[in-house]
Amino acid sequence: MEYEHYLKTELKLHQNTLVKYIQYFNRVLDYAVKYEWLEKNVLFGYKCPVKETKREYLNQ
């Protein structure tokens, strides 16, 4: 998908941030379909994998 490629290359976003951006955009498209501004959601059924992140905790 071009939008995903743009977010990765031009904005240099990491995978999980990219997934969030696409989820937000998908909500906007769903809203547009609901109010008949668009005929269909072009992202319907599109999935992006989320990477598990390893979190380090502070030690004293």
PDB file of N, CA and C in Angstrom:
ATOM      1  N   MET A   1       0.835  -1.167   0.000  1.00  0.00           N
ATOM      2  CA  MET A   1       0.000   0.000   0.000  1.00  0.00           C
ATOM      3  C   MET A   1       0.889   1.242   0.000  1.00  0.00           C
ATOM      4  N   GLU A   2       0.534   2.226  -0.789  1.00  0.00           N
ATOM      5  CA  GLU A   2       1.357   3.416  -0.935  1.00  0.00           C
ATOM      6  C   GLU A   2       1.448   4.239   0.344  1.00  0.00           C
ATOM      7  N   TYR A   3       0.333   4.325   1.071  1.00  0.00           N
ATOM      8  CA  TYR A   3       0.333   5.107   2.309  1.00  0.00           C
ATOM      9  C   TYR A   3       1.296   4.510   3.330  1.00  0.00           C
ATOM     10  N   GLU A   4       1.293   3.196   3.443  1.00  0.00           N
ATOM     11  CA  GLU A   4       2.212   2.521   4.363  1.00  0.00           C
ATOM     12  C   GLU A   4       3.655   2.762   3.943  1.00  0.00           C
ATOM     13  N   HIS A   5       3.914   2.673   2.655  1.00  0.00           N
ATOM     14  CA  HIS A   5       5.260   2.913   2.138  1.00  0.00           C
ATOM     15  C   HIS A   5       5.704   4.353   2.421  1.00  0.00           C
ATOM     16  N   TYR A   6       4.797   5.293   2.228  1.00  0.00           N
ATOM     17  CA  TYR A   6       5.094   6.710   2.505  1.00  0.00           C
ATOM     18  C   TYR A   6       5.451   6.912   3.982  1.00  0.00           C
ATOM     19  N   LEU A   7       4.661   6.324   4.872  1.00  0.00           N
ATOM     20  CA  LEU A   7       4.925   6.482   6.299  1.00  0.00           C
ATOM     21  C   LEU A   7       6.267   5.881   6.699  1.00  0.00           C
ATOM     22  N   LYS A   8       6.622   4.758   6.089  1.00  0.00           N
ATOM     23  CA  LYS A   8       7.893   4.100   6.414  1.00  0.00           C
ATOM     24  C   LYS A   8       9.090   4.870   5.862  1.00  0.00           C
ATOM     25  N   THR A   9       9.004   5.315   4.619  1.00  0.00           N
ATOM     26  CA  THR A   9      10.169   5.903   3.965  1.00  0.00           C
ATOM     27  C   THR A   9      10.306   7.397   4.193  1.00  0.00           C
ATOM     28  N   GLU A  10       9.240   8.152   3.965  1.00  0.00           N
ATOM     29  CA  GLU A  10       9.325   9.604   4.069  1.00  0.00           C
ATOM     30  C   GLU A  10       9.311  10.082   5.521  1.00  0.00           C
ATOM     31  N   LEU A  11       8.425   9.544   6.316  1.00  0.00           N
ATOM     32  CA  LEU A  11       8.315   9.979   7.711  1.00  0.00           C
ATOM     33  C   LEU A  11       9.177   9.154   8.652  1.00  0.00           C
ATOM     34  N   LYS A  12       9.709   8.030   8.155  1.00  0.00           N
ATOM     35  CA  LYS A  12      10.602   7.145   8.916  1.00  0.00           C
ATOM     36  C   LYS A  12       9.973   6.689  10.240  1.00  0.00           C
ATOM     37  N   LEU A  13       8.738   6.229  10.159  1.00  0.00           N
ATOM     38  CA  LEU A  13       8.039   5.734  11.339  1.00  0.00           C
ATOM     39  C   LEU A  13       8.366   4.273  11.575  1.00  0.00           C
ATOM     40  N   HIS A  14       8.349   3.868  12.825  1.00  0.00           N
ATOM     41  CA  HIS A  14       8.546   2.466  13.167  1.00  0.00           C
ATOM     42  C   HIS A  14       7.235   1.706  12.996  1.00  0.00           C
ATOM     43  N   GLN A  15       7.315   0.399  13.031  1.00  0.00           N
ATOM     44  CA  GLN A  15       6.183  -0.458  12.690  1.00  0.00           C
ATOM     45  C   GLN A  15       4.947  -0.203  13.542  1.00  0.00           C
ATOM     46  N   ASN A  16       5.096  -0.141  14.847  1.00  0.00           N
ATOM     47  CA  ASN A  16       3.927   0.010  15.713  1.00  0.00           C
ATOM     48  C   ASN A  16       3.283   1.391  15.571  1.00  0.00           C
ATOM     49  N   THR A  17       4.085   2.418  15.341  1.00  0.00           N
ATOM     50  CA  THR A  17       3.550   3.753  15.095  1.00  0.00           C
ATOM     51  C   THR A  17       2.797   3.772  13.770  1.00  0.00           C
ATOM     52  N   LEU A  18       3.349   3.118  12.792  1.00  0.00           N
ATOM     53  CA  LEU A  18       2.718   3.013  11.484  1.00  0.00           C
ATOM     54  C   LEU A  18       1.362   2.309  11.581  1.00  0.00           C
ATOM     55  N   VAL A  19       1.281   1.265  12.377  1.00  0.00           N
ATOM     56  CA  VAL A  19       0.024   0.537  12.569  1.00  0.00           C
ATOM     57  C   VAL A  19      -1.021   1.460  13.184  1.00  0.00           C
ATOM     58  N   LYS A  20      -0.635   2.268  14.163  1.00  0.00           N
ATOM     59  CA  LYS A  20      -1.564   3.206  14.787  1.00  0.00           C
ATOM     60  C   LYS A  20      -2.067   4.236  13.785  1.00  0.00           C
ATOM     61  N   TYR A  21      -1.195   4.778  12.959  1.00  0.00           N
ATOM     62  CA  TYR A  21      -1.595   5.752  11.936  1.00  0.00           C
ATOM     63  C   TYR A  21      -2.624   5.136  10.993  1.00  0.00           C
ATOM     64  N   ILE A  22      -2.388   3.898  10.584  1.00  0.00           N
ATOM     65  CA  ILE A  22      -3.310   3.233   9.658  1.00  0.00           C
ATOM     66  C   ILE A  22      -4.639   2.947  10.352  1.00  0.00           C
ATOM     67  N   GLN A  23      -4.615   2.589  11.629  1.00  0.00           N
ATOM     68  CA  GLN A  23      -5.854   2.365  12.373  1.00  0.00           C
ATOM     69  C   GLN A  23      -6.677   3.647  12.460  1.00  0.00           C
ATOM     70  N   TYR A  24      -6.030   4.780  12.730  1.00  0.00           N
ATOM     71  CA  TYR A  24      -6.736   6.056  12.798  1.00  0.00           C
ATOM     72  C   TYR A  24      -7.331   6.426  11.444  1.00  0.00           C
ATOM     73  N   PHE A  25      -6.555   6.228  10.388  1.00  0.00           N
ATOM     74  CA  PHE A  25      -7.024   6.534   9.038  1.00  0.00           C
ATOM     75  C   PHE A  25      -8.198   5.637   8.660  1.00  0.00           C
ATOM     76  N   ASN A  26      -8.156   4.391   9.095  1.00  0.00           N
ATOM     77  CA  ASN A  26      -9.243   3.450   8.831  1.00  0.00           C
ATOM     78  C   ASN A  26     -10.537   3.922   9.504  1.00  0.00           C
ATOM     79  N   ARG A  27     -10.432   4.478  10.705  1.00  0.00           N
ATOM     80  CA  ARG A  27     -11.610   5.010  11.399  1.00  0.00           C
ATOM     81  C   ARG A  27     -12.215   6.184  10.623  1.00  0.00           C
ATOM     82  N   VAL A  28     -11.364   7.035  10.087  1.00  0.00           N
ATOM     83  CA  VAL A  28     -11.849   8.170   9.296  1.00  0.00           C
ATOM     84  C   VAL A  28     -12.582   7.665   8.058  1.00  0.00           C
ATOM     85  N   LEU A  29     -12.027   6.658   7.405  1.00  0.00           N
ATOM     86  CA  LEU A  29     -12.671   6.092   6.221  1.00  0.00           C
ATOM     87  C   LEU A  29     -13.998   5.427   6.577  1.00  0.00           C
ATOM     88  N   ASP A  30     -14.068   4.737   7.701  1.00  0.00           N
ATOM     89  CA  ASP A  30     -15.334   4.139   8.152  1.00  0.00           C
ATOM     90  C   ASP A  30     -16.391   5.213   8.391  1.00  0.00           C
ATOM     91  N   TYR A  31     -15.983   6.318   8.977  1.00  0.00           N
ATOM     92  CA  TYR A  31     -16.891   7.434   9.225  1.00  0.00           C
ATOM     93  C   TYR A  31     -17.410   7.996   7.897  1.00  0.00           C
ATOM     94  N   ALA A  32     -16.512   8.144   6.924  1.00  0.00           N
ATOM     95  CA  ALA A  32     -16.899   8.663   5.617  1.00  0.00           C
ATOM     96  C   ALA A  32     -17.879   7.730   4.913  1.00  0.00           C
ATOM     97  N   VAL A  33     -17.705   6.439   5.045  1.00  0.00           N
ATOM     98  CA  VAL A  33     -18.623   5.464   4.447  1.00  0.00           C
ATOM     99  C   VAL A  33     -19.973   5.535   5.160  1.00  0.00           C
ATOM    100  N   LYS A  34     -19.942   5.678   6.470  1.00  0.00           N
ATOM    101  CA  LYS A  34     -21.173   5.741   7.255  1.00  0.00           C
ATOM    102  C   LYS A  34     -22.056   6.907   6.811  1.00  0.00           C
ATOM    103  N   TYR A  35     -21.443   8.037   6.533  1.00  0.00           N
ATOM    104  CA  TYR A  35     -22.197   9.221   6.126  1.00  0.00           C
ATOM    105  C   TYR A  35     -22.268   9.388   4.609  1.00  0.00           C
ATOM    106  N   GLU A  36     -21.911   8.307   3.908  1.00  0.00           N
ATOM    107  CA  GLU A  36     -22.027   8.214   2.446  1.00  0.00           C
ATOM    108  C   GLU A  36     -21.205   9.265   1.697  1.00  0.00           C
ATOM    109  N   TRP A  37     -20.057   9.634   2.259  1.00  0.00           N
ATOM    110  CA  TRP A  37     -19.130  10.502   1.555  1.00  0.00           C
ATOM    111  C   TRP A  37     -18.243   9.665   0.631  1.00  0.00           C
ATOM    112  N   LEU A  38     -18.068   8.392   0.989  1.00  0.00           N
ATOM    113  CA  LEU A  38     -17.357   7.422   0.159  1.00  0.00           C
ATOM    114  C   LEU A  38     -18.254   6.210  -0.025  1.00  0.00           C
ATOM    115  N   GLU A  39     -18.041   5.487  -1.112  1.00  0.00           N
ATOM    116  CA  GLU A  39     -18.837   4.291  -1.357  1.00  0.00           C
ATOM    117  C   GLU A  39     -18.354   3.098  -0.549  1.00  0.00           C
ATOM    118  N   LYS A  40     -17.022   2.984  -0.394  1.00  0.00           N
ATOM    119  CA  LYS A  40     -16.486   1.869   0.381  1.00  0.00           C
ATOM    120  C   LYS A  40     -15.176   2.274   1.028  1.00  0.00           C
ATOM    121  N   ASN A  41     -14.804   1.531   2.050  1.00  0.00           N
ATOM    122  CA  ASN A  41     -13.546   1.750   2.747  1.00  0.00           C
ATOM    123  C   ASN A  41     -12.468   0.950   2.019  1.00  0.00           C
ATOM    124  N   VAL A  42     -11.492   1.652   1.470  1.00  0.00           N
ATOM    125  CA  VAL A  42     -10.442   0.970   0.709  1.00  0.00           C
ATOM    126  C   VAL A  42      -9.507   0.164   1.612  1.00  0.00           C
ATOM    127  N   LEU A  43      -9.531   0.418   2.910  1.00  0.00           N
ATOM    128  CA  LEU A  43      -8.688  -0.320   3.846  1.00  0.00           C
ATOM    129  C   LEU A  43      -9.425  -1.467   4.522  1.00  0.00           C
ATOM    130  N   PHE A  44     -10.643  -1.755   4.098  1.00  0.00           N
ATOM    131  CA  PHE A  44     -11.416  -2.822   4.727  1.00  0.00           C
ATOM    132  C   PHE A  44     -10.670  -4.148   4.605  1.00  0.00           C
ATOM    133  N   GLY A  45     -10.419  -4.794   5.733  1.00  0.00           N
ATOM    134  CA  GLY A  45      -9.727  -6.082   5.744  1.00  0.00           C
ATOM    135  C   GLY A  45      -8.217  -5.978   5.718  1.00  0.00           C
ATOM    136  N   TYR A  46      -7.667  -4.760   5.675  1.00  0.00           N
ATOM    137  CA  TYR A  46      -6.214  -4.593   5.641  1.00  0.00           C
ATOM    138  C   TYR A  46      -5.657  -4.773   7.040  1.00  0.00           C
ATOM    139  N   LYS A  47      -4.603  -5.563   7.177  1.00  0.00           N
ATOM    140  CA  LYS A  47      -3.983  -5.818   8.474  1.00  0.00           C
ATOM    141  C   LYS A  47      -2.487  -5.533   8.405  1.00  0.00           C
ATOM    142  N   CYS A  48      -1.994  -4.942   9.454  1.00  0.00           N
ATOM    143  CA  CYS A  48      -0.554  -4.710   9.615  1.00  0.00           C
ATOM    144  C   CYS A  48      -0.111  -5.441  10.874  1.00  0.00           C
ATOM    145  N   PRO A  49       0.994  -6.138  10.813  1.00  0.00           N
ATOM    146  CA  PRO A  49       1.454  -6.839  12.010  1.00  0.00           C
ATOM    147  C   PRO A  49       2.049  -5.877  13.045  1.00  0.00           C
ATOM    148  N   VAL A  50       1.755  -6.128  14.309  1.00  0.00           N
ATOM    149  CA  VAL A  50       2.314  -5.346  15.410  1.00  0.00           C
ATOM    150  C   VAL A  50       3.505  -6.103  15.962  1.00  0.00           C
ATOM    151  N   LYS A  51       4.614  -5.399  16.145  1.00  0.00           N
ATOM    152  CA  LYS A  51       5.811  -6.021  16.706  1.00  0.00           C
ATOM    153  C   LYS A  51       5.762  -5.937  18.224  1.00  0.00           C
ATOM    154  N   GLU A  52       6.114  -7.026  18.888  1.00  0.00           N
ATOM    155  CA  GLU A  52       6.243  -7.014  20.344  1.00  0.00           C
ATOM    156  C   GLU A  52       7.489  -6.214  20.690  1.00  0.00           C
ATOM    157  N   THR A  53       7.353  -5.290  21.615  1.00  0.00           N
ATOM    158  CA  THR A  53       8.504  -4.499  22.021  1.00  0.00           C
ATOM    159  C   THR A  53       9.020  -4.992  23.357  1.00  0.00           C
ATOM    160  N   LYS A  54      10.312  -4.975  23.497  1.00  0.00           N
ATOM    161  CA  LYS A  54      10.927  -5.375  24.758  1.00  0.00           C
ATOM    162  C   LYS A  54      11.149  -4.109  25.581  1.00  0.00           C
ATOM    163  N   ARG A  55      10.528  -4.052  26.714  1.00  0.00           N
ATOM    164  CA  ARG A  55      10.634  -2.879  27.575  1.00  0.00           C
ATOM    165  C   ARG A  55      11.631  -3.153  28.685  1.00  0.00           C
ATOM    166  N   GLU A  56      12.481  -2.197  28.886  1.00  0.00           N
ATOM    167  CA  GLU A  56      13.460  -2.305  29.962  1.00  0.00           C
ATOM    168  C   GLU A  56      12.984  -1.441  31.125  1.00  0.00           C
ATOM    169  N   TYR A  57      13.141  -1.971  32.329  1.00  0.00           N
ATOM    170  CA  TYR A  57      12.715  -1.260  33.517  1.00  0.00           C
ATOM    171  C   TYR A  57      13.917  -0.661  34.230  1.00  0.00           C
ATOM    172  N   LEU A  58      13.670   0.437  34.898  1.00  0.00           N
ATOM    173  CA  LEU A  58      14.735   1.081  35.658  1.00  0.00           C
ATOM    174  C   LEU A  58      15.035   0.281  36.918  1.00  0.00           C
ATOM    175  N   ASN A  59      16.310   0.131  37.220  1.00  0.00           N
ATOM    176  CA  ASN A  59      16.748  -0.550  38.434  1.00  0.00           C
ATOM    177  C   ASN A  59      17.468   0.443  39.325  1.00  0.00           C
ATOM    178  N   GLN A  60      17.305   0.285  40.621  1.00  0.00           N
ATOM    179  CA  GLN A  60      18.015   1.186  41.544  1.00  0.00           C
ATOM    180  C   GLN A  60      19.109   0.453  42.251  1.00  0.00           C
TER     181      GLN A  60
END
